[in-house]
């Protein structure tokens, strides 16, 4: 059995709090020569136990796993959550899952960690079980940024309010979405500006409005500055939510897919009296985005 230093959770967003846990996992693993690992669950336990209360997720499971590995986790053990697993007592979970299945030698969790049937186990329970099952327990406190606790629920609220820059601080990186480029109505290229229309399976999106974004195109090493509108296209009588991105420096060929990073809000979506006035506003939005990038580049020199 491979000895592992590991953490446990849903890791939705892989935010600052999750990153602190991962840092501790890596530290303990490096000190002892153990493998840094993480246990997560799919589907989200609440989707099985109380689907009516299940939160919309910030990231699909594959993106969560990829992000954790980018932060240094070598192995993500994705457990299929079921009603049978939910019935395991804290002692059964620790013995069968942590010790026997995952080879835990160190378990790093947050101070609000609960586990086992009806969440009967807490950090004290975990410490007591670890002494019997030969793993150490480390508890990491909550992480805050400018007075806000880094949590998935807080990030969801910020995004739904259009506060993407605040969400960025709690994520320690820009919030991003990914998906294929789909055909639009062709109105933008004729009456306003040409855009890429993104379709995504991401469950949580920023509030309707215009944002400073950057687009990562397939095969590209760097991101391309852009602005993105999320909304219903009221000026053109739209009845479906769209995600339209305008690349500030243009593009020669349309990509099959893009990843969008959201940096700052510009304005709310609104109805304009004509396509001409909308285009004039878009040009102002572009200038605000260019000013943002000039300021960003000056700070990174």
C-alpha atoms as a PDB file:
ATOM      1  CA  UNK A   1       0.000   0.000   0.000  1.00  0.00           C
ATOM      2  CA  UNK A   2       1.392   3.404  -1.009  1.00  0.00           C
ATOM      3  CA  UNK A   3       1.569   5.720   2.036  1.00  0.00           C
ATOM      4  CA  UNK A   4      -0.298   8.948   1.354  1.00  0.00           C
ATOM      5  CA  UNK A   5      -0.616  12.409   2.809  1.00  0.00           C
ATOM      6  CA  UNK A   6      -4.133  13.392   1.799  1.00  0.00           C
ATOM      7  CA  UNK A   7      -7.008  15.778   2.193  1.00  0.00           C
ATOM      8  CA  UNK A   8     -10.747  15.178   1.790  1.00  0.00           C
ATOM      9  CA  UNK A   9     -13.510  17.319   0.330  1.00  0.00           C
ATOM     10  CA  UNK A  10     -15.614  18.342  -2.635  1.00  0.00           C
ATOM     11  CA  UNK A  11     -13.115  21.063  -3.643  1.00  0.00           C
ATOM     12  CA  UNK A  12     -15.650  22.959  -5.722  1.00  0.00           C
ATOM     13  CA  UNK A  13     -13.733  25.937  -7.101  1.00  0.00           C
ATOM     14  CA  UNK A  14     -10.397  24.824  -5.611  1.00  0.00           C
ATOM     15  CA  UNK A  15     -10.339  28.205  -3.836  1.00  0.00           C
ATOM     16  CA  UNK A  16      -7.907  29.755  -1.337  1.00  0.00           C
ATOM     17  CA  UNK A  17      -9.117  27.531   1.491  1.00  0.00           C
ATOM     18  CA  UNK A  18      -8.648  24.401  -0.597  1.00  0.00           C
ATOM     19  CA  UNK A  19      -5.230  25.636  -1.692  1.00  0.00           C
ATOM     20  CA  UNK A  20      -4.161  26.032   1.950  1.00  0.00           C
ATOM     21  CA  UNK A  21      -5.139  22.390   2.560  1.00  0.00           C
ATOM     22  CA  UNK A  22      -3.202  21.300  -0.521  1.00  0.00           C
ATOM     23  CA  UNK A  23      -0.128  23.248   0.602  1.00  0.00           C
ATOM     24  CA  UNK A  24      -0.187  21.403   3.929  1.00  0.00           C
ATOM     25  CA  UNK A  25      -0.640  18.059   2.166  1.00  0.00           C
ATOM     26  CA  UNK A  26       2.443  18.787   0.036  1.00  0.00           C
ATOM     27  CA  UNK A  27       4.459  19.914   3.057  1.00  0.00           C
ATOM     28  CA  UNK A  28       3.702  16.757   5.056  1.00  0.00           C
ATOM     29  CA  UNK A  29       4.218  14.514   2.011  1.00  0.00           C
ATOM     30  CA  UNK A  30       7.596  16.101   1.269  1.00  0.00           C
ATOM     31  CA  UNK A  31       8.769  15.773   4.883  1.00  0.00           C
ATOM     32  CA  UNK A  32       7.934  12.072   5.030  1.00  0.00           C
ATOM     33  CA  UNK A  33       8.353  10.828   1.468  1.00  0.00           C
ATOM     34  CA  UNK A  34       4.644  10.102   1.098  1.00  0.00           C
ATOM     35  CA  UNK A  35       2.443  10.629  -1.976  1.00  0.00           C
ATOM     36  CA  UNK A  36       0.386  13.871  -1.906  1.00  0.00           C
ATOM     37  CA  UNK A  37      -3.215  12.938  -2.644  1.00  0.00           C
ATOM     38  CA  UNK A  38      -6.791  14.121  -2.313  1.00  0.00           C
ATOM     39  CA  UNK A  39     -10.093  12.313  -1.883  1.00  0.00           C
ATOM     40  CA  UNK A  40     -13.140  13.826  -3.543  1.00  0.00           C
ATOM     41  CA  UNK A  41     -16.620  12.600  -4.373  1.00  0.00           C
ATOM     42  CA  UNK A  42     -18.748  12.401  -7.504  1.00  0.00           C
ATOM     43  CA  UNK A  43     -21.561  13.132  -7.588  1.00  0.00           C
ATOM     44  CA  UNK A  44     -21.635  15.770  -4.865  1.00  0.00           C
ATOM     45  CA  UNK A  45     -22.989  14.086  -1.691  1.00  0.00           C
ATOM     46  CA  UNK A  46     -25.891  16.536  -1.415  1.00  0.00           C
ATOM     47  CA  UNK A  47     -27.029  15.546  -4.917  1.00  0.00           C
ATOM     48  CA  UNK A  48     -27.624  12.056  -3.527  1.00  0.00           C
ATOM     49  CA  UNK A  49     -28.818  12.848  -0.002  1.00  0.00           C
ATOM     50  CA  UNK A  50     -30.895  15.990  -0.594  1.00  0.00           C
ATOM     51  CA  UNK A  51     -31.037  16.801  -4.322  1.00  0.00           C
ATOM     52  CA  UNK A  52     -33.479  19.657  -3.745  1.00  0.00           C
ATOM     53  CA  UNK A  53     -30.732  21.457  -1.762  1.00  0.00           C
ATOM     54  CA  UNK A  54     -27.843  20.579  -4.085  1.00  0.00           C
ATOM     55  CA  UNK A  55     -25.781  23.646  -5.027  1.00  0.00           C
ATOM     56  CA  UNK A  56     -24.892  24.550  -8.573  1.00  0.00           C
ATOM     57  CA  UNK A  57     -21.234  23.712  -9.010  1.00  0.00           C
ATOM     58  CA  UNK A  58     -18.469  26.148  -9.885  1.00  0.00           C
ATOM     59  CA  UNK A  59     -16.472  23.505 -11.746  1.00  0.00           C
ATOM     60  CA  UNK A  60     -17.167  20.145 -13.397  1.00  0.00           C
ATOM     61  CA  UNK A  61     -15.405  17.211 -11.753  1.00  0.00           C
ATOM     62  CA  UNK A  62     -12.749  16.891 -14.473  1.00  0.00           C
ATOM     63  CA  UNK A  63     -11.767  20.548 -14.077  1.00  0.00           C
ATOM     64  CA  UNK A  64     -11.602  20.187 -10.287  1.00  0.00           C
ATOM     65  CA  UNK A  65      -9.252  17.235 -10.640  1.00  0.00           C
ATOM     66  CA  UNK A  66      -7.106  19.060 -13.195  1.00  0.00           C
ATOM     67  CA  UNK A  67      -6.869  22.161 -10.997  1.00  0.00           C
ATOM     68  CA  UNK A  68      -5.852  20.170  -7.916  1.00  0.00           C
ATOM     69  CA  UNK A  69      -3.092  18.512  -9.911  1.00  0.00           C
ATOM     70  CA  UNK A  70      -1.888  21.913 -11.114  1.00  0.00           C
ATOM     71  CA  UNK A  71      -1.456  22.886  -7.460  1.00  0.00           C
ATOM     72  CA  UNK A  72       0.724  19.823  -6.826  1.00  0.00           C
ATOM     73  CA  UNK A  73      -1.600  16.958  -5.869  1.00  0.00           C
ATOM     74  CA  UNK A  74      -0.200  13.852  -7.556  1.00  0.00           C
ATOM     75  CA  UNK A  75      -3.251  11.631  -7.175  1.00  0.00           C
ATOM     76  CA  UNK A  76      -6.951  12.490  -6.912  1.00  0.00           C
ATOM     77  CA  UNK A  77      -9.005   9.568  -5.624  1.00  0.00           C
ATOM     78  CA  UNK A  78     -12.523  10.209  -6.900  1.00  0.00           C
ATOM     79  CA  UNK A  79     -14.979   8.095  -4.913  1.00  0.00           C
ATOM     80  CA  UNK A  80     -18.449   7.420  -6.356  1.00  0.00           C
ATOM     81  CA  UNK A  81     -20.759   8.716  -3.647  1.00  0.00           C
ATOM     82  CA  UNK A  82     -23.812   6.589  -2.915  1.00  0.00           C
ATOM     83  CA  UNK A  83     -26.450   6.124  -0.237  1.00  0.00           C
ATOM     84  CA  UNK A  84     -24.490   3.053   0.895  1.00  0.00           C
ATOM     85  CA  UNK A  85     -21.366   5.150   1.452  1.00  0.00           C
ATOM     86  CA  UNK A  86     -23.462   7.725   3.339  1.00  0.00           C
ATOM     87  CA  UNK A  87     -24.392   5.015   5.854  1.00  0.00           C
ATOM     88  CA  UNK A  88     -20.770   4.395   6.882  1.00  0.00           C
ATOM     89  CA  UNK A  89     -20.085   5.461  10.445  1.00  0.00           C
ATOM     90  CA  UNK A  90     -17.089   7.737  11.057  1.00  0.00           C
ATOM     91  CA  UNK A  91     -15.110   4.716  12.294  1.00  0.00           C
ATOM     92  CA  UNK A  92     -16.052   2.654   9.225  1.00  0.00           C
ATOM     93  CA  UNK A  93     -15.156   5.499   6.853  1.00  0.00           C
ATOM     94  CA  UNK A  94     -11.792   6.048   8.536  1.00  0.00           C
ATOM     95  CA  UNK A  95     -10.914   2.354   8.583  1.00  0.00           C
ATOM     96  CA  UNK A  96     -12.303   1.198   5.233  1.00  0.00           C
ATOM     97  CA  UNK A  97     -11.696   4.298   3.088  1.00  0.00           C
ATOM     98  CA  UNK A  98      -8.858   6.270   4.672  1.00  0.00           C
ATOM     99  CA  UNK A  99      -6.694   3.514   6.127  1.00  0.00           C
ATOM    100  CA  UNK A 100      -7.377   0.406   4.046  1.00  0.00           C
ATOM    101  CA  UNK A 101      -8.339   1.782   0.610  1.00  0.00           C
ATOM    102  CA  UNK A 102      -6.241   4.960   0.512  1.00  0.00           C
ATOM    103  CA  UNK A 103      -3.269   4.177   2.736  1.00  0.00           C
ATOM    104  CA  UNK A 104      -3.586   7.394   4.718  1.00  0.00           C
ATOM    105  CA  UNK A 105      -0.606   8.284   6.867  1.00  0.00           C
ATOM    106  CA  UNK A 106      -1.646  11.909   7.257  1.00  0.00           C
ATOM    107  CA  UNK A 107      -5.107  13.445   6.821  1.00  0.00           C
ATOM    108  CA  UNK A 108      -5.369  17.233   6.460  1.00  0.00           C
ATOM    109  CA  UNK A 109      -8.817  18.812   6.847  1.00  0.00           C
ATOM    110  CA  UNK A 110     -10.471  22.138   7.597  1.00  0.00           C
ATOM    111  CA  UNK A 111     -11.622  22.982  11.109  1.00  0.00           C
ATOM    112  CA  UNK A 112     -15.290  22.547  10.102  1.00  0.00           C
ATOM    113  CA  UNK A 113     -14.744  19.067   8.638  1.00  0.00           C
ATOM    114  CA  UNK A 114     -17.536  16.553   9.254  1.00  0.00           C
ATOM    115  CA  UNK A 115     -17.759  12.967   8.038  1.00  0.00           C
ATOM    116  CA  UNK A 116     -19.609   9.690   8.427  1.00  0.00           C
ATOM    117  CA  UNK A 117     -23.304   8.888   8.679  1.00  0.00           C
ATOM    118  CA  UNK A 118     -25.318  12.026   9.538  1.00  0.00           C
ATOM    119  CA  UNK A 119     -21.977  13.888   9.719  1.00  0.00           C
ATOM    120  CA  UNK A 120     -21.450  12.411  13.165  1.00  0.00           C
ATOM    121  CA  UNK A 121     -17.666  12.712  13.012  1.00  0.00           C
ATOM    122  CA  UNK A 122     -15.676  15.921  13.508  1.00  0.00           C
ATOM    123  CA  UNK A 123     -11.959  16.765  13.733  1.00  0.00           C
ATOM    124  CA  UNK A 124     -11.686  15.356  17.269  1.00  0.00           C
ATOM    125  CA  UNK A 125     -13.257  12.096  16.067  1.00  0.00           C
ATOM    126  CA  UNK A 126     -10.779  12.010  13.185  1.00  0.00           C
ATOM    127  CA  UNK A 127      -7.811  12.576  15.506  1.00  0.00           C
ATOM    128  CA  UNK A 128      -8.953   9.786  17.846  1.00  0.00           C
ATOM    129  CA  UNK A 129      -9.464   7.377  14.938  1.00  0.00           C
ATOM    130  CA  UNK A 130      -6.097   8.347  13.450  1.00  0.00           C
ATOM    131  CA  UNK A 131      -4.292   7.348  16.639  1.00  0.00           C
ATOM    132  CA  UNK A 132      -5.844   3.895  16.377  1.00  0.00           C
ATOM    133  CA  UNK A 133      -5.389   3.527  12.613  1.00  0.00           C
ATOM    134  CA  UNK A 134      -1.855   4.943  12.408  1.00  0.00           C
ATOM    135  CA  UNK A 135      -2.408   8.258  10.615  1.00  0.00           C
ATOM    136  CA  UNK A 136      -1.787  11.775  11.866  1.00  0.00           C
ATOM    137  CA  UNK A 137      -4.426  14.490  11.619  1.00  0.00           C
ATOM    138  CA  UNK A 138      -3.703  18.125  10.766  1.00  0.00           C
ATOM    139  CA  UNK A 139      -6.417  20.777  11.002  1.00  0.00           C
ATOM    140  CA  UNK A 140      -6.218  23.962   8.915  1.00  0.00           C
ATOM    141  CA  UNK A 141      -8.235  27.047   9.850  1.00  0.00           C
ATOM    142  CA  UNK A 142     -10.458  29.077   7.523  1.00  0.00           C
ATOM    143  CA  UNK A 143      -8.759  31.373   5.002  1.00  0.00           C
ATOM    144  CA  UNK A 144      -9.975  34.947   4.536  1.00  0.00           C
ATOM    145  CA  UNK A 145      -9.280  37.663   1.990  1.00  0.00           C
ATOM    146  CA  UNK A 146     -10.203  41.253   2.851  1.00  0.00           C
ATOM    147  CA  UNK A 147     -12.559  40.037   5.547  1.00  0.00           C
ATOM    148  CA  UNK A 148     -14.334  37.392   3.436  1.00  0.00           C
ATOM    149  CA  UNK A 149     -13.992  33.699   4.180  1.00  0.00           C
ATOM    150  CA  UNK A 150     -12.963  31.691   1.141  1.00  0.00           C
ATOM    151  CA  UNK A 151     -15.830  29.282   0.533  1.00  0.00           C
ATOM    152  CA  UNK A 152     -17.581  27.858  -2.495  1.00  0.00           C
ATOM    153  CA  UNK A 153     -20.932  29.319  -1.395  1.00  0.00           C
ATOM    154  CA  UNK A 154     -19.453  32.820  -1.020  1.00  0.00           C
ATOM    155  CA  UNK A 155     -17.872  32.625  -4.472  1.00  0.00           C
ATOM    156  CA  UNK A 156     -21.199  31.571  -5.993  1.00  0.00           C
ATOM    157  CA  UNK A 157     -22.899  34.599  -4.437  1.00  0.00           C
ATOM    158  CA  UNK A 158     -20.209  36.968  -5.698  1.00  0.00           C
ATOM    159  CA  UNK A 159     -20.420  35.624  -9.243  1.00  0.00           C
ATOM    160  CA  UNK A 160     -24.210  35.828  -9.302  1.00  0.00           C
ATOM    161  CA  UNK A 161     -23.874  39.459  -8.205  1.00  0.00           C
ATOM    162  CA  UNK A 162     -21.373  40.150 -10.998  1.00  0.00           C
ATOM    163  CA  UNK A 163     -18.536  40.709  -8.494  1.00  0.00           C
ATOM    164  CA  UNK A 164     -15.986  38.736 -10.509  1.00  0.00           C
ATOM    165  CA  UNK A 165     -12.918  40.621  -9.218  1.00  0.00           C
ATOM    166  CA  UNK A 166     -13.868  39.745  -5.617  1.00  0.00           C
ATOM    167  CA  UNK A 167     -14.427  36.137  -6.667  1.00  0.00           C
ATOM    168  CA  UNK A 168     -10.952  36.195  -8.234  1.00  0.00           C
ATOM    169  CA  UNK A 169      -9.428  37.115  -4.871  1.00  0.00           C
ATOM    170  CA  UNK A 170     -11.067  34.158  -3.127  1.00  0.00           C
ATOM    171  CA  UNK A 171     -10.106  31.805  -5.940  1.00  0.00           C
ATOM    172  CA  UNK A 172      -6.556  33.210  -6.158  1.00  0.00           C
ATOM    173  CA  UNK A 173      -7.026  33.241  -9.932  1.00  0.00           C
ATOM    174  CA  UNK A 174      -9.676  34.420 -12.414  1.00  0.00           C
ATOM    175  CA  UNK A 175     -12.950  32.525 -12.523  1.00  0.00           C
ATOM    176  CA  UNK A 176     -13.020  30.643 -15.829  1.00  0.00           C
ATOM    177  CA  UNK A 177     -15.415  28.735 -18.029  1.00  0.00           C
ATOM    178  CA  UNK A 178     -14.731  26.483 -21.001  1.00  0.00           C
ATOM    179  CA  UNK A 179     -16.697  25.161 -23.930  1.00  0.00           C
ATOM    180  CA  UNK A 180     -17.147  24.877 -27.682  1.00  0.00           C
ATOM    181  CA  UNK A 181     -17.751  27.786 -30.027  1.00  0.00           C
ATOM    182  CA  UNK A 182     -21.188  27.612 -31.624  1.00  0.00           C
ATOM    183  CA  UNK A 183     -22.831  29.499 -34.463  1.00  0.00           C
ATOM    184  CA  UNK A 184     -24.585  32.743 -33.549  1.00  0.00           C
ATOM    185  CA  UNK A 185     -27.210  34.716 -35.457  1.00  0.00           C
ATOM    186  CA  UNK A 186     -24.617  36.616 -37.493  1.00  0.00           C
ATOM    187  CA  UNK A 187     -26.027  39.940 -36.282  1.00  0.00           C
ATOM    188  CA  UNK A 188     -22.928  41.028 -34.405  1.00  0.00           C
ATOM    189  CA  UNK A 189     -20.544  40.789 -37.340  1.00  0.00           C
ATOM    190  CA  UNK A 190     -22.937  42.830 -39.487  1.00  0.00           C
ATOM    191  CA  UNK A 191     -24.298  45.462 -37.083  1.00  0.00           C
ATOM    192  CA  UNK A 192     -21.930  45.693 -34.092  1.00  0.00           C
ATOM    193  CA  UNK A 193     -18.714  43.675 -33.717  1.00  0.00           C
ATOM    194  CA  UNK A 194     -17.843  40.059 -34.571  1.00  0.00           C
ATOM    195  CA  UNK A 195     -17.982  37.759 -31.549  1.00  0.00           C
ATOM    196  CA  UNK A 196     -17.266  34.189 -30.576  1.00  0.00           C
ATOM    197  CA  UNK A 197     -20.308  32.483 -29.076  1.00  0.00           C
ATOM    198  CA  UNK A 198     -19.408  30.133 -26.244  1.00  0.00           C
ATOM    199  CA  UNK A 199     -21.548  27.242 -25.095  1.00  0.00           C
ATOM    200  CA  UNK A 200     -20.660  25.835 -21.679  1.00  0.00           C
ATOM    201  CA  UNK A 201     -21.851  23.219 -19.207  1.00  0.00           C
ATOM    202  CA  UNK A 202     -20.671  25.318 -16.265  1.00  0.00           C
ATOM    203  CA  UNK A 203     -23.555  25.571 -13.806  1.00  0.00           C
ATOM    204  CA  UNK A 204     -22.628  28.941 -12.262  1.00  0.00           C
ATOM    205  CA  UNK A 205     -22.131  32.002 -14.448  1.00  0.00           C
ATOM    206  CA  UNK A 206     -21.453  35.634 -13.583  1.00  0.00           C
ATOM    207  CA  UNK A 207     -24.512  37.908 -13.604  1.00  0.00           C
ATOM    208  CA  UNK A 208     -25.707  39.212 -16.955  1.00  0.00           C
ATOM    209  CA  UNK A 209     -23.431  42.017 -18.057  1.00  0.00           C
ATOM    210  CA  UNK A 210     -20.193  42.956 -19.789  1.00  0.00           C
ATOM    211  CA  UNK A 211     -16.815  41.882 -18.417  1.00  0.00           C
ATOM    212  CA  UNK A 212     -13.114  42.300 -19.030  1.00  0.00           C
ATOM    213  CA  UNK A 213     -12.005  38.793 -19.946  1.00  0.00           C
ATOM    214  CA  UNK A 214      -9.131  36.940 -21.505  1.00  0.00           C
ATOM    215  CA  UNK A 215      -9.550  34.054 -23.907  1.00  0.00           C
ATOM    216  CA  UNK A 216      -7.297  31.036 -24.137  1.00  0.00           C
ATOM    217  CA  UNK A 217      -7.466  29.589 -27.627  1.00  0.00           C
ATOM    218  CA  UNK A 218      -6.599  25.955 -28.407  1.00  0.00           C
ATOM    219  CA  UNK A 219      -2.854  25.504 -28.726  1.00  0.00           C
ATOM    220  CA  UNK A 220      -2.061  29.027 -27.499  1.00  0.00           C
ATOM    221  CA  UNK A 221       0.560  29.625 -24.810  1.00  0.00           C
ATOM    222  CA  UNK A 222      -0.842  32.988 -23.745  1.00  0.00           C
ATOM    223  CA  UNK A 223      -4.309  34.450 -23.196  1.00  0.00           C
ATOM    224  CA  UNK A 224      -5.858  36.966 -25.595  1.00  0.00           C
ATOM    225  CA  UNK A 225      -7.459  40.147 -24.126  1.00  0.00           C
ATOM    226  CA  UNK A 226     -11.201  40.286 -24.731  1.00  0.00           C
ATOM    227  CA  UNK A 227     -14.553  41.552 -23.520  1.00  0.00           C
ATOM    228  CA  UNK A 228     -17.495  39.264 -22.923  1.00  0.00           C
ATOM    229  CA  UNK A 229     -21.222  39.867 -22.734  1.00  0.00           C
ATOM    230  CA  UNK A 230     -23.411  37.434 -20.829  1.00  0.00           C
ATOM    231  CA  UNK A 231     -27.078  38.022 -21.377  1.00  0.00           C
ATOM    232  CA  UNK A 232     -30.218  37.921 -23.475  1.00  0.00           C
ATOM    233  CA  UNK A 233     -29.247  40.414 -26.226  1.00  0.00           C
ATOM    234  CA  UNK A 234     -32.275  42.674 -25.507  1.00  0.00           C
ATOM    235  CA  UNK A 235     -31.370  45.151 -28.274  1.00  0.00           C
ATOM    236  CA  UNK A 236     -32.017  42.357 -30.789  1.00  0.00           C
ATOM    237  CA  UNK A 237     -35.022  40.836 -29.015  1.00  0.00           C
ATOM    238  CA  UNK A 238     -33.088  37.836 -27.772  1.00  0.00           C
ATOM    239  CA  UNK A 239     -34.864  35.141 -25.779  1.00  0.00           C
ATOM    240  CA  UNK A 240     -31.925  32.866 -24.941  1.00  0.00           C
ATOM    241  CA  UNK A 241     -28.899  33.391 -22.725  1.00  0.00           C
ATOM    242  CA  UNK A 242     -25.728  33.844 -24.747  1.00  0.00           C
ATOM    243  CA  UNK A 243     -22.038  34.262 -23.938  1.00  0.00           C
ATOM    244  CA  UNK A 244     -20.447  36.449 -26.616  1.00  0.00           C
ATOM    245  CA  UNK A 245     -16.758  37.337 -26.645  1.00  0.00           C
ATOM    246  CA  UNK A 246     -14.992  39.985 -28.698  1.00  0.00           C
ATOM    247  CA  UNK A 247     -11.227  39.558 -29.030  1.00  0.00           C
ATOM    248  CA  UNK A 248      -9.621  42.996 -28.738  1.00  0.00           C
ATOM    249  CA  UNK A 249      -6.869  42.224 -31.251  1.00  0.00           C
ATOM    250  CA  UNK A 250      -9.052  40.310 -33.684  1.00  0.00           C
ATOM    251  CA  UNK A 251      -8.720  36.747 -34.906  1.00  0.00           C
ATOM    252  CA  UNK A 252      -7.879  35.172 -38.256  1.00  0.00           C
ATOM    253  CA  UNK A 253      -9.714  31.858 -37.888  1.00  0.00           C
ATOM    254  CA  UNK A 254     -12.530  30.808 -35.596  1.00  0.00           C
ATOM    255  CA  UNK A 255     -11.459  28.286 -32.926  1.00  0.00           C
ATOM    256  CA  UNK A 256     -13.439  25.176 -32.063  1.00  0.00           C
ATOM    257  CA  UNK A 257     -13.419  26.024 -28.356  1.00  0.00           C
ATOM    258  CA  UNK A 258     -12.100  28.571 -25.863  1.00  0.00           C
ATOM    259  CA  UNK A 259     -11.515  29.023 -22.163  1.00  0.00           C
ATOM    260  CA  UNK A 260     -12.668  32.383 -20.801  1.00  0.00           C
ATOM    261  CA  UNK A 261     -11.185  34.032 -17.728  1.00  0.00           C
ATOM    262  CA  UNK A 262     -13.224  36.765 -16.032  1.00  0.00           C
ATOM    263  CA  UNK A 263     -11.214  39.643 -14.560  1.00  0.00           C
ATOM    264  CA  UNK A 264     -13.513  42.603 -13.889  1.00  0.00           C
ATOM    265  CA  UNK A 265     -17.064  43.791 -14.483  1.00  0.00           C
ATOM    266  CA  UNK A 266     -17.644  46.710 -16.854  1.00  0.00           C
ATOM    267  CA  UNK A 267     -21.405  47.290 -16.813  1.00  0.00           C
ATOM    268  CA  UNK A 268     -24.785  45.608 -16.613  1.00  0.00           C
ATOM    269  CA  UNK A 269     -26.509  44.437 -19.777  1.00  0.00           C
ATOM    270  CA  UNK A 270     -29.158  46.860 -20.976  1.00  0.00           C
ATOM    271  CA  UNK A 271     -31.474  47.630 -23.875  1.00  0.00           C
ATOM    272  CA  UNK A 272     -30.162  50.123 -26.445  1.00  0.00           C
ATOM    273  CA  UNK A 273     -32.407  52.084 -28.839  1.00  0.00           C
ATOM    274  CA  UNK A 274     -30.499  50.874 -31.911  1.00  0.00           C
ATOM    275  CA  UNK A 275     -27.620  48.649 -33.030  1.00  0.00           C
ATOM    276  CA  UNK A 276     -25.615  51.829 -33.711  1.00  0.00           C
ATOM    277  CA  UNK A 277     -25.833  53.051 -30.124  1.00  0.00           C
ATOM    278  CA  UNK A 278     -24.978  49.546 -28.886  1.00  0.00           C
ATOM    279  CA  UNK A 279     -21.900  49.491 -31.132  1.00  0.00           C
ATOM    280  CA  UNK A 280     -20.821  52.885 -29.782  1.00  0.00           C
ATOM    281  CA  UNK A 281     -21.137  51.540 -26.242  1.00  0.00           C
ATOM    282  CA  UNK A 282     -19.170  48.424 -27.149  1.00  0.00           C
ATOM    283  CA  UNK A 283     -16.324  50.647 -28.368  1.00  0.00           C
ATOM    284  CA  UNK A 284     -16.348  52.387 -24.969  1.00  0.00           C
ATOM    285  CA  UNK A 285     -16.317  48.978 -23.285  1.00  0.00           C
ATOM    286  CA  UNK A 286     -13.317  48.027 -25.413  1.00  0.00           C
ATOM    287  CA  UNK A 287     -11.446  51.147 -24.309  1.00  0.00           C
ATOM    288  CA  UNK A 288     -12.153  50.359 -20.658  1.00  0.00           C
ATOM    289  CA  UNK A 289     -10.832  46.847 -21.221  1.00  0.00           C
ATOM    290  CA  UNK A 290      -7.697  48.165 -22.930  1.00  0.00           C
ATOM    291  CA  UNK A 291      -7.131  50.528 -19.990  1.00  0.00           C
ATOM    292  CA  UNK A 292      -7.457  47.582 -17.626  1.00  0.00           C
ATOM    293  CA  UNK A 293      -4.811  45.626 -19.530  1.00  0.00           C
ATOM    294  CA  UNK A 294      -2.464  48.615 -19.732  1.00  0.00           C
ATOM    295  CA  UNK A 295      -2.709  48.977 -15.949  1.00  0.00           C
ATOM    296  CA  UNK A 296      -2.245  45.230 -15.488  1.00  0.00           C
ATOM    297  CA  UNK A 297       0.862  45.156 -17.686  1.00  0.00           C
ATOM    298  CA  UNK A 298       2.334  48.158 -15.840  1.00  0.00           C
ATOM    299  CA  UNK A 299       1.935  46.331 -12.517  1.00  0.00           C
ATOM    300  CA  UNK A 300       3.651  43.188 -13.830  1.00  0.00           C
ATOM    301  CA  UNK A 301       6.685  44.910 -15.361  1.00  0.00           C
END
